[in-house]
Amino acid sequence: MDINDVIDRTRDSISARCVFGQPIQQGEVTVIPVARVRGGGGGGGGEGPVQEGNSKEGMGRGEGTGFGLSARPAGAFVIRGDRVSWLPVVEPARIILGLQVLAGIALLVYSRTRLRGR
C-alpha cells in the first residue's frame, strides 16, 4: 500500500459523517447526535541491507503505515419545529477530576499562605 493511499483514506475517514450521526426523528422532534473525532496517520520507510558485523544480508527495503481514530460523544442537536437547541454530553468523571484538581490547588495555596503568616 502506498503512503499517499493511506493519507487519502485518512482524509476520507475523518469527515462530517464521523462527527454527525444519522438524524433520529420522533414525531415532530429530530435529534442529530454529534461526536468529537480525532485521528491521524503516519508512515515510514527504509532502504539498504541489514548489516551484521562485516557481512551484508538480505536485500533491504521496508515500509510501514499506521492510522488511528478516536470518537467520543459530544452531545446532540435537538430540532423542534423552527427551534434548534444543543444538549451537551455531561461527563461526571471529568467534572469530578476538575473539582479534585481545583481542591488540590486551593489546599496548596492555603498551606503556603499559612506558612508565610508564621
Protein backbone atom coordinates (compact mmCIF):
# COMPACT_ATOMS: atom_id res chain seq x y z
CA MET A 1 0.00 0.00 0.00
CA ASP A 2 1.31 3.43 -0.96
CA ILE A 3 1.69 6.20 1.64
CA ASN A 4 -0.44 8.53 -0.48
CA ASP A 5 -3.27 5.96 -0.42
CA VAL A 6 -3.14 5.92 3.39
CA ILE A 7 -3.25 9.72 3.54
CA ASP A 8 -6.22 9.80 1.15
CA ARG A 9 -8.09 7.17 3.17
CA THR A 10 -7.34 9.02 6.39
CA ARG A 11 -8.71 12.25 4.96
CA ASP A 12 -11.85 10.44 3.78
CA SER A 13 -12.39 8.77 7.17
CA ILE A 14 -12.22 11.97 9.21
CA SER A 15 -15.21 13.80 7.80
CA ALA A 16 -18.55 15.26 8.82
CA ARG A 17 -20.03 11.75 8.53
CA CYS A 18 -17.95 10.74 11.56
CA VAL A 19 -18.92 13.82 13.55
CA PHE A 20 -22.66 13.99 12.84
CA GLY A 21 -24.71 10.79 13.18
CA GLN A 22 -27.88 9.90 11.33
CA PRO A 23 -30.81 12.12 12.36
CA ILE A 24 -33.37 10.39 14.58
CA GLN A 25 -36.95 11.58 14.21
CA GLN A 26 -39.65 11.01 16.78
CA GLY A 27 -42.90 12.80 16.00
CA GLU A 28 -42.06 16.46 15.41
CA VAL A 29 -38.66 16.26 17.15
CA THR A 30 -35.43 15.50 15.31
CA VAL A 31 -32.21 14.62 17.17
CA ILE A 32 -28.81 14.74 15.48
CA PRO A 33 -26.05 13.07 17.55
CA VAL A 34 -22.63 14.73 17.47
CA ALA A 35 -19.21 13.28 18.33
CA ARG A 36 -15.70 14.65 18.86
CA VAL A 37 -13.48 12.91 16.37
CA ARG A 38 -9.68 12.91 16.28
CA GLY A 39 -7.45 10.96 14.03
CA GLY A 40 -4.05 10.77 12.50
CA GLY A 41 -1.81 8.66 10.43
CA GLY A 42 1.84 8.13 9.84
CA GLY A 43 4.25 6.12 7.86
CA GLY A 44 7.86 5.22 7.44
CA GLY A 45 10.26 3.54 5.13
CA GLY A 46 13.77 2.21 4.82
CA GLU A 47 16.43 1.10 2.42
CA GLY A 48 19.67 -0.80 2.46
CA PRO A 49 20.58 -4.32 3.51
CA VAL A 50 20.84 -5.41 7.13
CA GLN A 51 24.43 -5.31 8.37
CA GLU A 52 25.76 -7.77 10.90
CA GLY A 53 29.46 -7.48 11.55
CA ASN A 54 31.31 -7.33 8.25
CA SER A 55 28.64 -9.07 6.16
CA LYS A 56 25.53 -7.71 4.48
CA GLU A 57 22.47 -9.95 4.44
CA GLY A 58 19.14 -9.55 2.70
CA MET A 59 18.01 -7.10 0.11
CA GLY A 60 16.93 -4.23 2.33
CA ARG A 61 13.71 -2.33 1.79
CA GLY A 62 10.88 -1.54 4.10
CA GLU A 63 7.71 0.41 4.51
CA GLY A 64 5.11 0.91 7.18
CA THR A 65 1.96 2.86 7.78
CA GLY A 66 -0.41 3.41 10.65
CA PHE A 67 -3.69 5.08 11.36
CA GLY A 68 -5.73 5.87 14.44
CA LEU A 69 -9.19 7.29 15.00
CA SER A 70 -10.88 8.27 18.25
CA ALA A 71 -14.53 9.30 18.64
CA ARG A 72 -16.32 10.40 21.81
CA PRO A 73 -19.91 11.58 22.16
CA ALA A 74 -20.17 15.36 22.41
CA GLY A 75 -23.91 15.96 22.53
CA ALA A 76 -26.90 16.33 20.25
CA PHE A 77 -28.74 18.98 18.31
CA VAL A 78 -32.47 18.85 19.06
CA ILE A 79 -34.77 20.35 16.44
CA ARG A 80 -38.38 21.15 17.38
CA GLY A 81 -40.23 22.99 14.65
CA ASP A 82 -38.07 26.00 13.81
CA ARG A 83 -36.09 25.92 17.11
CA VAL A 84 -32.70 24.25 17.45
CA SER A 85 -31.06 23.58 20.81
CA TRP A 86 -27.77 21.97 21.82
CA LEU A 87 -27.65 19.32 24.56
CA PRO A 88 -24.03 18.59 25.56
CA VAL A 89 -22.91 15.26 26.99
CA VAL A 90 -22.20 15.57 30.69
CA GLU A 91 -19.16 13.55 31.76
CA PRO A 92 -19.25 13.14 35.56
CA ALA A 93 -15.71 11.71 35.66
CA ARG A 94 -14.30 14.87 34.05
CA ILE A 95 -16.26 17.11 36.39
CA ILE A 96 -15.03 15.18 39.44
CA LEU A 97 -11.43 15.26 38.20
CA GLY A 98 -11.67 19.02 37.64
CA LEU A 99 -13.03 19.54 41.15
CA GLN A 100 -10.24 17.41 42.63
CA VAL A 101 -7.58 19.43 40.81
CA LEU A 102 -9.21 22.67 41.95
CA ALA A 103 -9.37 21.45 45.58
CA GLY A 104 -5.71 20.41 45.43
CA ILE A 105 -4.66 23.82 44.17
CA ALA A 106 -6.77 25.53 46.84
CA LEU A 107 -5.14 23.42 49.59
CA LEU A 108 -1.69 24.15 48.23
CA VAL A 109 -2.33 27.92 48.15
CA TYR A 110 -3.88 27.82 51.63
CA SER A 111 -0.94 25.90 53.12
CA ARG A 112 1.60 28.26 51.52
CA THR A 113 -0.17 31.34 52.83
CA ARG A 114 -0.42 29.77 56.31
CA LEU A 115 3.33 29.07 56.37
CA ARG A 116 4.18 32.63 55.32
CA GLY A 117 1.99 34.04 58.06
CA ARG A 118 4.09 32.43 60.84
